Amino acid sequence: MKTILTATAGMLMAGALGGTVLAAPPSAPSTHTGATVPAAAASAVHNVVLVHGGFVDGSGWEKVYANLKKDGYRVSIVQNPTTSLADDVTATKRVLDRQDGPTILVGHSYGGVVITEAGNHPKVAGLVYVAAFAPDKGESVSSLIKNPPPGAPVPPILPPQDGFLLLDKTKFADSFAADLDPELAAFRADSQVPWGVAALEGTVRDPAWRSKRSWYVVATDDKMIPPPAQHAMSKRAGSTVSEVKGSHAVYESKPALVAAVIEQASRGVH
């Protein structure tokens, strides 16, 4: 808790380039597939569960949801309370319990931490990280971001209030959603969900990517989690990597490409 409470906004999130992420060796090689993964005509796994990250809610997945539904997938969206990692994992497992069979579990940003832990659920067949944290055992968002490198982007995170964080609304679009329609970016800024400091402190006990296949969408213009950090985490996890030109909100700005990677994962787990 002390790290977050005493950090400047620039130390939060941007520090994903530093610390343990780059120091850890990869567990398996990555395969860079590019961003033009064709849409699936059919899938081996037809269930998909989508998990949002900090500062936003599940509504941001709407276009990804529409693309997947059009291609015949059964899609569920988790509404994390973002109060603590344990609470968010519980919320995700509750949705997984309702699935009728094998499921692809998808997480954006902090949602990557959630799926790393919740992905041990027996119905999870594979993981998809979208511009997301992919921590190892004993790691948290807090531990991954505590040593920001010089020159890293500085997300406009305001000092915590009552144990929760928000982004400066006037700078939200540039940092989080630079490639969204300005009106939509403004709506996302004004409808932010406070992100609990306790969620950032929650540590992963058993990273699911060590036992299950994973895919990773790297957002090349991300100013929240620097792309080199995304590459480092995906390499460590042995993920199949697709690069997509987009902001941290790439799941909203490039929903067809993100959905195509999810569909690729649905075919690749068998």
C-alpha atoms as a PDB file:
ATOM      1  CA  MET A   1       0.000   0.000   0.000  1.00  0.00           C
ATOM      2  CA  LYS A   2       2.813   2.398   0.875  1.00  0.00           C
ATOM      3  CA  THR A   3       4.218   2.234  -2.657  1.00  0.00           C
ATOM      4  CA  ILE A   4       0.992   3.427  -4.222  1.00  0.00           C
ATOM      5  CA  LEU A   5       0.150   6.004  -1.610  1.00  0.00           C
ATOM      6  CA  THR A   6       3.544   7.682  -1.888  1.00  0.00           C
ATOM      7  CA  ALA A   7       4.050   7.325  -5.655  1.00  0.00           C
ATOM      8  CA  THR A   8       3.558  10.153  -8.090  1.00  0.00           C
ATOM      9  CA  ALA A   9       1.121   9.656 -10.929  1.00  0.00           C
ATOM     10  CA  GLY A  10       4.064   9.142 -13.258  1.00  0.00           C
ATOM     11  CA  MET A  11       5.235   6.130 -11.270  1.00  0.00           C
ATOM     12  CA  LEU A  12       1.898   4.422 -11.584  1.00  0.00           C
ATOM     13  CA  MET A  13       1.324   2.261 -14.659  1.00  0.00           C
ATOM     14  CA  ALA A  14       4.247   3.642 -16.671  1.00  0.00           C
ATOM     15  CA  GLY A  15       6.663   1.589 -14.615  1.00  0.00           C
ATOM     16  CA  ALA A  16       5.577  -1.654 -16.169  1.00  0.00           C
ATOM     17  CA  LEU A  17       8.800  -1.439 -18.195  1.00  0.00           C
ATOM     18  CA  GLY A  18      10.891  -1.772 -15.085  1.00  0.00           C
ATOM     19  CA  GLY A  19      11.184  -4.148 -12.157  1.00  0.00           C
ATOM     20  CA  THR A  20      10.561  -7.847 -12.342  1.00  0.00           C
ATOM     21  CA  VAL A  21       8.897  -7.994 -15.755  1.00  0.00           C
ATOM     22  CA  LEU A  22      12.056  -7.433 -17.748  1.00  0.00           C
ATOM     23  CA  ALA A  23      14.260  -9.290 -15.310  1.00  0.00           C
ATOM     24  CA  ALA A  24      12.390 -12.605 -15.497  1.00  0.00           C
ATOM     25  CA  PRO A  25      13.348 -15.129 -18.207  1.00  0.00           C
ATOM     26  CA  PRO A  26      10.695 -16.241 -20.676  1.00  0.00           C
ATOM     27  CA  SER A  27       9.101 -19.612 -20.005  1.00  0.00           C
ATOM     28  CA  ALA A  28       8.443 -20.227 -23.699  1.00  0.00           C
ATOM     29  CA  PRO A  29       9.000 -18.436 -27.017  1.00  0.00           C
ATOM     30  CA  SER A  30       6.435 -16.039 -28.436  1.00  0.00           C
ATOM     31  CA  THR A  31       5.014 -16.283 -31.930  1.00  0.00           C
ATOM     32  CA  HIS A  32       4.338 -12.934 -33.579  1.00  0.00           C
ATOM     33  CA  THR A  33       1.320 -13.407 -35.803  1.00  0.00           C
ATOM     34  CA  GLY A  34       0.630  -9.823 -36.840  1.00  0.00           C
ATOM     35  CA  ALA A  35      -2.651  -7.977 -36.547  1.00  0.00           C
ATOM     36  CA  THR A  36      -4.608  -9.385 -39.475  1.00  0.00           C
ATOM     37  CA  VAL A  37      -5.932 -12.616 -38.011  1.00  0.00           C
ATOM     38  CA  PRO A  38      -8.940 -13.714 -40.106  1.00  0.00           C
ATOM     39  CA  ALA A  39     -12.327 -13.974 -38.441  1.00  0.00           C
ATOM     40  CA  ALA A  40     -13.416 -17.456 -37.448  1.00  0.00           C
ATOM     41  CA  ALA A  41     -16.088 -19.235 -39.423  1.00  0.00           C
ATOM     42  CA  ALA A  42     -16.378 -21.826 -36.675  1.00  0.00           C
ATOM     43  CA  SER A  43     -14.679 -22.459 -33.371  1.00  0.00           C
ATOM     44  CA  ALA A  44     -13.538 -25.356 -31.254  1.00  0.00           C
ATOM     45  CA  VAL A  45     -14.409 -23.376 -28.098  1.00  0.00           C
ATOM     46  CA  HIS A  46     -17.610 -21.377 -28.373  1.00  0.00           C
ATOM     47  CA  ASN A  47     -17.675 -19.659 -24.958  1.00  0.00           C
ATOM     48  CA  VAL A  48     -15.861 -16.362 -24.356  1.00  0.00           C
ATOM     49  CA  VAL A  49     -15.711 -14.390 -21.098  1.00  0.00           C
ATOM     50  CA  LEU A  50     -14.483 -10.779 -21.251  1.00  0.00           C
ATOM     51  CA  VAL A  51     -12.914  -9.036 -18.227  1.00  0.00           C
ATOM     52  CA  HIS A  52     -12.391  -5.265 -18.097  1.00  0.00           C
ATOM     53  CA  GLY A  53      -9.576  -3.373 -16.404  1.00  0.00           C
ATOM     54  CA  GLY A  54      -9.265  -0.342 -14.144  1.00  0.00           C
ATOM     55  CA  PHE A  55     -11.112   2.975 -14.577  1.00  0.00           C
ATOM     56  CA  VAL A  56     -13.721   1.447 -16.937  1.00  0.00           C
ATOM     57  CA  ASP A  57     -16.512  -1.121 -16.871  1.00  0.00           C
ATOM     58  CA  GLY A  58     -17.632  -3.959 -19.087  1.00  0.00           C
ATOM     59  CA  SER A  59     -19.528  -1.762 -21.554  1.00  0.00           C
ATOM     60  CA  GLY A  60     -16.293  -1.023 -23.395  1.00  0.00           C
ATOM     61  CA  TRP A  61     -16.373  -4.579 -24.752  1.00  0.00           C
ATOM     62  CA  GLU A  62     -19.605  -3.913 -26.690  1.00  0.00           C
ATOM     63  CA  LYS A  63     -18.081  -3.963 -30.186  1.00  0.00           C
ATOM     64  CA  VAL A  64     -15.863  -6.962 -29.488  1.00  0.00           C
ATOM     65  CA  TYR A  65     -18.966  -8.667 -28.118  1.00  0.00           C
ATOM     66  CA  ALA A  66     -20.906  -7.850 -31.302  1.00  0.00           C
ATOM     67  CA  ASN A  67     -18.163  -9.232 -33.542  1.00  0.00           C
ATOM     68  CA  LEU A  68     -17.948 -12.466 -31.571  1.00  0.00           C
ATOM     69  CA  LYS A  69     -21.722 -12.911 -31.388  1.00  0.00           C
ATOM     70  CA  LYS A  70     -21.968 -12.411 -35.155  1.00  0.00           C
ATOM     71  CA  ASP A  71     -19.519 -15.289 -35.595  1.00  0.00           C
ATOM     72  CA  GLY A  72     -21.532 -17.610 -33.379  1.00  0.00           C
ATOM     73  CA  TYR A  73     -19.813 -17.297 -30.007  1.00  0.00           C
ATOM     74  CA  ARG A  74     -21.539 -17.320 -26.632  1.00  0.00           C
ATOM     75  CA  VAL A  75     -20.139 -14.221 -24.912  1.00  0.00           C
ATOM     76  CA  SER A  76     -20.358 -13.126 -21.273  1.00  0.00           C
ATOM     77  CA  ILE A  77     -18.972  -9.925 -19.771  1.00  0.00           C
ATOM     78  CA  VAL A  78     -17.748  -9.640 -16.188  1.00  0.00           C
ATOM     79  CA  GLN A  79     -18.513  -6.474 -14.249  1.00  0.00           C
ATOM     80  CA  ASN A  80     -15.585  -6.304 -11.833  1.00  0.00           C
ATOM     81  CA  PRO A  81     -16.080  -4.247  -8.682  1.00  0.00           C
ATOM     82  CA  THR A  82     -12.351  -3.353  -8.970  1.00  0.00           C
ATOM     83  CA  THR A  83     -12.188  -3.131  -5.193  1.00  0.00           C
ATOM     84  CA  SER A  84      -9.668  -5.920  -4.649  1.00  0.00           C
ATOM     85  CA  LEU A  85      -8.099  -8.677  -6.711  1.00  0.00           C
ATOM     86  CA  ALA A  86      -9.876 -11.296  -4.619  1.00  0.00           C
ATOM     87  CA  ASP A  87     -13.267  -9.663  -5.257  1.00  0.00           C
ATOM     88  CA  ASP A  88     -12.607  -9.410  -8.977  1.00  0.00           C
ATOM     89  CA  VAL A  89     -11.433 -13.015  -9.235  1.00  0.00           C
ATOM     90  CA  THR A  90     -14.579 -14.095  -7.392  1.00  0.00           C
ATOM     91  CA  ALA A  91     -16.767 -12.084  -9.793  1.00  0.00           C
ATOM     92  CA  THR A  92     -15.015 -13.670 -12.761  1.00  0.00           C
ATOM     93  CA  LYS A  93     -15.284 -17.205 -11.408  1.00  0.00           C
ATOM     94  CA  ARG A  94     -18.987 -16.640 -10.836  1.00  0.00           C
ATOM     95  CA  VAL A  95     -19.414 -15.977 -14.565  1.00  0.00           C
ATOM     96  CA  LEU A  96     -17.178 -18.919 -15.474  1.00  0.00           C
ATOM     97  CA  ASP A  97     -19.332 -21.200 -13.341  1.00  0.00           C
ATOM     98  CA  ARG A  98     -22.276 -20.418 -15.623  1.00  0.00           C
ATOM     99  CA  GLN A  99     -20.503 -21.458 -18.832  1.00  0.00           C
ATOM    100  CA  ASP A 100     -21.650 -24.690 -20.464  1.00  0.00           C
ATOM    101  CA  GLY A 101     -18.176 -25.917 -21.375  1.00  0.00           C
ATOM    102  CA  PRO A 102     -14.608 -24.865 -22.299  1.00  0.00           C
ATOM    103  CA  THR A 103     -14.119 -21.099 -22.333  1.00  0.00           C
ATOM    104  CA  ILE A 104     -11.664 -18.518 -23.614  1.00  0.00           C
ATOM    105  CA  LEU A 105     -10.984 -15.995 -20.837  1.00  0.00           C
ATOM    106  CA  VAL A 106     -10.006 -12.499 -21.989  1.00  0.00           C
ATOM    107  CA  GLY A 107      -8.610  -9.623 -19.907  1.00  0.00           C
ATOM    108  CA  HIS A 108      -7.758  -6.009 -20.700  1.00  0.00           C
ATOM    109  CA  SER A 109      -5.202  -4.017 -18.666  1.00  0.00           C
ATOM    110  CA  TYR A 110      -5.689  -4.855 -14.955  1.00  0.00           C
ATOM    111  CA  GLY A 111      -8.121  -7.499 -16.178  1.00  0.00           C
ATOM    112  CA  GLY A 112      -5.010  -9.412 -17.163  1.00  0.00           C
ATOM    113  CA  VAL A 113      -4.154  -9.822 -13.489  1.00  0.00           C
ATOM    114  CA  VAL A 114      -7.678 -11.065 -12.840  1.00  0.00           C
ATOM    115  CA  ILE A 115      -7.586 -13.681 -15.597  1.00  0.00           C
ATOM    116  CA  THR A 116      -4.094 -14.784 -14.565  1.00  0.00           C
ATOM    117  CA  GLU A 117      -5.570 -15.951 -11.246  1.00  0.00           C
ATOM    118  CA  ALA A 118      -9.133 -16.780 -12.293  1.00  0.00           C
ATOM    119  CA  GLY A 119      -7.838 -18.651 -15.333  1.00  0.00           C
ATOM    120  CA  ASN A 120      -7.140 -21.685 -13.173  1.00  0.00           C
ATOM    121  CA  HIS A 121     -10.879 -22.358 -13.237  1.00  0.00           C
ATOM    122  CA  PRO A 122     -11.444 -25.802 -14.813  1.00  0.00           C
ATOM    123  CA  LYS A 123     -13.618 -24.406 -17.599  1.00  0.00           C
ATOM    124  CA  VAL A 124     -10.901 -22.068 -18.885  1.00  0.00           C
ATOM    125  CA  ALA A 125      -9.273 -23.535 -22.000  1.00  0.00           C
ATOM    126  CA  GLY A 126      -7.095 -20.555 -22.930  1.00  0.00           C
ATOM    127  CA  LEU A 127      -6.242 -16.964 -22.043  1.00  0.00           C
ATOM    128  CA  VAL A 128      -6.159 -13.788 -24.135  1.00  0.00           C
ATOM    129  CA  TYR A 129      -4.390 -10.687 -22.821  1.00  0.00           C
ATOM    130  CA  VAL A 130      -5.313  -7.359 -24.445  1.00  0.00           C
ATOM    131  CA  ALA A 131      -2.780  -4.616 -23.610  1.00  0.00           C
ATOM    132  CA  ALA A 132      -2.777  -6.241 -20.194  1.00  0.00           C
ATOM    133  CA  PHE A 133      -0.680  -7.090 -17.187  1.00  0.00           C
ATOM    134  CA  ALA A 134       0.389 -10.740 -17.095  1.00  0.00           C
ATOM    135  CA  PRO A 135       1.986 -11.182 -13.656  1.00  0.00           C
ATOM    136  CA  ASP A 136       3.875 -14.169 -12.325  1.00  0.00           C
ATOM    137  CA  LYS A 137       3.479 -15.787  -8.898  1.00  0.00           C
ATOM    138  CA  GLY A 138       3.776 -13.249  -6.096  1.00  0.00           C
ATOM    139  CA  GLU A 139       3.498 -10.251  -8.433  1.00  0.00           C
ATOM    140  CA  SER A 140       0.886  -7.511  -8.454  1.00  0.00           C
ATOM    141  CA  VAL A 141       0.255  -4.391 -10.489  1.00  0.00           C
ATOM    142  CA  SER A 142       1.972  -2.502  -7.699  1.00  0.00           C
ATOM    143  CA  SER A 143       5.139  -4.582  -7.878  1.00  0.00           C
ATOM    144  CA  LEU A 144       5.259  -4.431 -11.667  1.00  0.00           C
ATOM    145  CA  ILE A 145       5.024  -0.650 -11.847  1.00  0.00           C
ATOM    146  CA  LYS A 146       7.166   0.519  -8.953  1.00  0.00           C
ATOM    147  CA  ASN A 147      10.316   1.342 -10.951  1.00  0.00           C
ATOM    148  CA  PRO A 148       9.353   3.500 -13.945  1.00  0.00           C
ATOM    149  CA  PRO A 149      12.146   3.981 -16.483  1.00  0.00           C
ATOM    150  CA  PRO A 150      13.249   7.441 -17.627  1.00  0.00           C
ATOM    151  CA  GLY A 151      11.157   8.774 -20.463  1.00  0.00           C
ATOM    152  CA  ALA A 152       8.195   6.455 -19.944  1.00  0.00           C
ATOM    153  CA  PRO A 153       4.729   7.915 -20.604  1.00  0.00           C
ATOM    154  CA  VAL A 154       3.148   9.528 -17.562  1.00  0.00           C
ATOM    155  CA  PRO A 155      -0.493   8.485 -17.124  1.00  0.00           C
ATOM    156  CA  PRO A 156      -2.539  11.216 -15.430  1.00  0.00           C
ATOM    157  CA  ILE A 157      -3.412   9.232 -12.312  1.00  0.00           C
ATOM    158  CA  LEU A 158      -4.678  11.430  -9.497  1.00  0.00           C
ATOM    159  CA  PRO A 159      -3.680  10.900  -5.850  1.00  0.00           C
ATOM    160  CA  PRO A 160      -5.817   8.244  -4.154  1.00  0.00           C
ATOM    161  CA  GLN A 161      -8.998   9.323  -2.399  1.00  0.00           C
ATOM    162  CA  ASP A 162     -10.544   6.994   0.181  1.00  0.00           C
ATOM    163  CA  GLY A 163      -8.442   4.148  -1.192  1.00  0.00           C
ATOM    164  CA  PHE A 164      -9.428   4.603  -4.857  1.00  0.00           C
ATOM    165  CA  LEU A 165      -7.739   6.029  -7.950  1.00  0.00           C
ATOM    166  CA  LEU A 166      -9.051   7.999 -10.929  1.00  0.00           C
ATOM    167  CA  LEU A 167      -7.486   9.493 -14.047  1.00  0.00           C
ATOM    168  CA  ASP A 168      -7.509  13.256 -14.650  1.00  0.00           C
ATOM    169  CA  LYS A 169     -10.564  13.633 -16.882  1.00  0.00           C
ATOM    170  CA  THR A 170      -8.976  16.409 -18.937  1.00  0.00           C
ATOM    171  CA  LYS A 171      -6.074  14.104 -19.879  1.00  0.00           C
ATOM    172  CA  PHE A 172      -7.947  10.807 -20.082  1.00  0.00           C
ATOM    173  CA  ALA A 173      -8.354  10.754 -23.858  1.00  0.00           C
ATOM    174  CA  ASP A 174      -4.703  11.353 -24.683  1.00  0.00           C
ATOM    175  CA  SER A 175      -3.418   8.732 -22.248  1.00  0.00           C
ATOM    176  CA  PHE A 176      -6.089   6.034 -22.367  1.00  0.00           C
ATOM    177  CA  ALA A 177      -8.165   6.479 -25.508  1.00  0.00           C
ATOM    178  CA  ALA A 178      -6.366   8.646 -28.059  1.00  0.00           C
ATOM    179  CA  ASP A 179      -7.819   6.777 -31.050  1.00  0.00           C
ATOM    180  CA  LEU A 180     -11.450   6.772 -29.930  1.00  0.00           C
ATOM    181  CA  ASP A 181     -14.047   9.206 -31.184  1.00  0.00           C
ATOM    182  CA  PRO A 182     -13.624  12.335 -28.990  1.00  0.00           C
ATOM    183  CA  GLU A 183     -17.203  12.162 -27.741  1.00  0.00           C
ATOM    184  CA  LEU A 184     -16.803   8.519 -26.702  1.00  0.00           C
ATOM    185  CA  ALA A 185     -13.450   9.242 -25.049  1.00  0.00           C
ATOM    186  CA  ALA A 186     -15.062  12.097 -23.118  1.00  0.00           C
ATOM    187  CA  PHE A 187     -17.868   9.779 -22.007  1.00  0.00           C
ATOM    188  CA  ARG A 188     -15.336   7.211 -20.796  1.00  0.00           C
ATOM    189  CA  ALA A 189     -13.540   9.931 -18.865  1.00  0.00           C
ATOM    190  CA  ASP A 190     -16.747  11.167 -17.229  1.00  0.00           C
ATOM    191  CA  SER A 191     -18.003   7.652 -16.414  1.00  0.00           C
ATOM    192  CA  GLN A 192     -14.810   6.344 -14.827  1.00  0.00           C
ATOM    193  CA  VAL A 193     -15.042   3.566 -12.264  1.00  0.00           C
ATOM    194  CA  PRO A 194     -12.793   4.260  -9.241  1.00  0.00           C
ATOM    195  CA  TRP A 195      -9.978   1.708  -9.147  1.00  0.00           C
ATOM    196  CA  GLY A 196      -9.218   0.363  -5.688  1.00  0.00           C
ATOM    197  CA  VAL A 197      -5.645   0.647  -4.437  1.00  0.00           C
ATOM    198  CA  ALA A 198      -6.201  -2.773  -2.838  1.00  0.00           C
ATOM    199  CA  ALA A 199      -6.739  -4.213  -6.324  1.00  0.00           C
ATOM    200  CA  LEU A 200      -3.316  -2.967  -7.371  1.00  0.00           C
ATOM    201  CA  GLU A 201      -1.775  -4.575  -4.297  1.00  0.00           C
ATOM    202  CA  GLY A 202      -3.383  -8.007  -4.844  1.00  0.00           C
ATOM    203  CA  THR A 203      -0.774 -10.648  -5.650  1.00  0.00           C
ATOM    204  CA  VAL A 204      -1.159 -13.622  -7.971  1.00  0.00           C
ATOM    205  CA  ARG A 205      -0.843 -16.995  -6.271  1.00  0.00           C
ATOM    206  CA  ASP A 206      -0.952 -19.370  -9.234  1.00  0.00           C
ATOM    207  CA  PRO A 207      -0.490 -17.842 -12.716  1.00  0.00           C
ATOM    208  CA  ALA A 208      -2.727 -19.706 -15.131  1.00  0.00           C
ATOM    209  CA  TRP A 209      -0.490 -18.947 -18.110  1.00  0.00           C
ATOM    210  CA  ARG A 210       2.044 -21.415 -16.720  1.00  0.00           C
ATOM    211  CA  SER A 211      -0.348 -24.301 -17.410  1.00  0.00           C
ATOM    212  CA  LYS A 212      -2.636 -22.965 -20.157  1.00  0.00           C
ATOM    213  CA  ARG A 213      -2.006 -21.510 -23.607  1.00  0.00           C
ATOM    214  CA  SER A 214      -2.203 -17.766 -23.987  1.00  0.00           C
ATOM    215  CA  TRP A 215      -2.452 -15.108 -26.669  1.00  0.00           C
ATOM    216  CA  TYR A 216      -1.497 -11.444 -26.317  1.00  0.00           C
ATOM    217  CA  VAL A 217      -2.596  -8.307 -28.195  1.00  0.00           C
ATOM    218  CA  VAL A 218       0.112  -5.639 -27.952  1.00  0.00           C
ATOM    219  CA  ALA A 219      -1.230  -2.105 -28.449  1.00  0.00           C
ATOM    220  CA  THR A 220       1.613  -0.314 -30.211  1.00  0.00           C
ATOM    221  CA  ASP A 221       0.522   3.232 -29.237  1.00  0.00           C
ATOM    222  CA  ASP A 222      -0.314   2.450 -25.603  1.00  0.00           C
ATOM    223  CA  LYS A 223       0.539   5.245 -23.147  1.00  0.00           C
ATOM    224  CA  MET A 224      -0.656   3.390 -20.050  1.00  0.00           C
ATOM    225  CA  ILE A 225       1.318   0.126 -20.264  1.00  0.00           C
ATOM    226  CA  PRO A 226       4.327   0.745 -22.533  1.00  0.00           C
ATOM    227  CA  PRO A 227       4.503  -1.644 -25.503  1.00  0.00           C
ATOM    228  CA  PRO A 228       8.002  -2.908 -24.546  1.00  0.00           C
ATOM    229  CA  ALA A 229       6.550  -4.001 -21.204  1.00  0.00           C
ATOM    230  CA  GLN A 230       3.691  -5.738 -22.988  1.00  0.00           C
ATOM    231  CA  HIS A 231       6.194  -7.595 -25.162  1.00  0.00           C
ATOM    232  CA  ALA A 232       8.239  -8.580 -22.104  1.00  0.00           C
ATOM    233  CA  MET A 233       5.243  -9.967 -20.238  1.00  0.00           C
ATOM    234  CA  SER A 234       3.893 -11.804 -23.277  1.00  0.00           C
ATOM    235  CA  LYS A 235       7.315 -13.325 -23.959  1.00  0.00           C
ATOM    236  CA  ARG A 236       7.621 -14.525 -20.387  1.00  0.00           C
ATOM    237  CA  ALA A 237       4.172 -16.107 -20.589  1.00  0.00           C
ATOM    238  CA  GLY A 238       4.994 -17.813 -23.882  1.00  0.00           C
ATOM    239  CA  SER A 239       2.019 -16.096 -25.514  1.00  0.00           C
ATOM    240  CA  THR A 240       1.225 -15.978 -29.194  1.00  0.00           C
ATOM    241  CA  VAL A 241       1.551 -12.263 -29.926  1.00  0.00           C
ATOM    242  CA  SER A 242      -0.339  -9.977 -32.297  1.00  0.00           C
ATOM    243  CA  GLU A 243       0.596  -6.322 -32.626  1.00  0.00           C
ATOM    244  CA  VAL A 244      -2.269  -3.920 -33.264  1.00  0.00           C
ATOM    245  CA  LYS A 245      -1.799  -0.199 -33.864  1.00  0.00           C
ATOM    246  CA  GLY A 246      -3.942   1.319 -31.158  1.00  0.00           C
ATOM    247  CA  SER A 247      -4.165   3.067 -27.825  1.00  0.00           C
ATOM    248  CA  HIS A 248      -4.706   1.433 -24.449  1.00  0.00           C
ATOM    249  CA  ALA A 249      -8.379   1.321 -25.463  1.00  0.00           C
ATOM    250  CA  VAL A 250      -7.509  -0.872 -28.462  1.00  0.00           C
ATOM    251  CA  TYR A 251     -10.397  -3.211 -27.631  1.00  0.00           C
ATOM    252  CA  GLU A 252     -12.757  -0.328 -28.434  1.00  0.00           C
ATOM    253  CA  SER A 253     -10.827   1.281 -31.286  1.00  0.00           C
ATOM    254  CA  LYS A 254      -9.933  -1.967 -33.119  1.00  0.00           C
ATOM    255  CA  PRO A 255     -12.667  -4.390 -31.978  1.00  0.00           C
ATOM    256  CA  ALA A 256     -12.628  -6.547 -35.126  1.00  0.00           C
ATOM    257  CA  LEU A 257      -8.894  -7.226 -34.801  1.00  0.00           C
ATOM    258  CA  VAL A 258      -9.171  -7.979 -31.087  1.00  0.00           C
ATOM    259  CA  ALA A 259     -12.124 -10.279 -31.730  1.00  0.00           C
ATOM    260  CA  ALA A 260     -10.124 -12.047 -34.462  1.00  0.00           C
ATOM    261  CA  VAL A 261      -7.335 -12.845 -31.993  1.00  0.00           C
ATOM    262  CA  ILE A 262      -9.899 -14.219 -29.531  1.00  0.00           C
ATOM    263  CA  GLU A 263     -11.294 -16.394 -32.301  1.00  0.00           C
ATOM    264  CA  GLN A 264      -7.779 -17.563 -33.148  1.00  0.00           C
ATOM    265  CA  ALA A 265      -7.361 -18.590 -29.521  1.00  0.00           C
ATOM    266  CA  SER A 266     -10.659 -20.479 -29.613  1.00  0.00           C
ATOM    267  CA  ARG A 267      -9.301 -22.604 -32.456  1.00  0.00           C
ATOM    268  CA  GLY A 268      -5.799 -22.940 -31.068  1.00  0.00           C
ATOM    269  CA  VAL A 269      -6.438 -24.473 -27.666  1.00  0.00           C
ATOM    270  CA  HIS A 270      -6.966 -27.950 -29.115  1.00  0.00           C
END
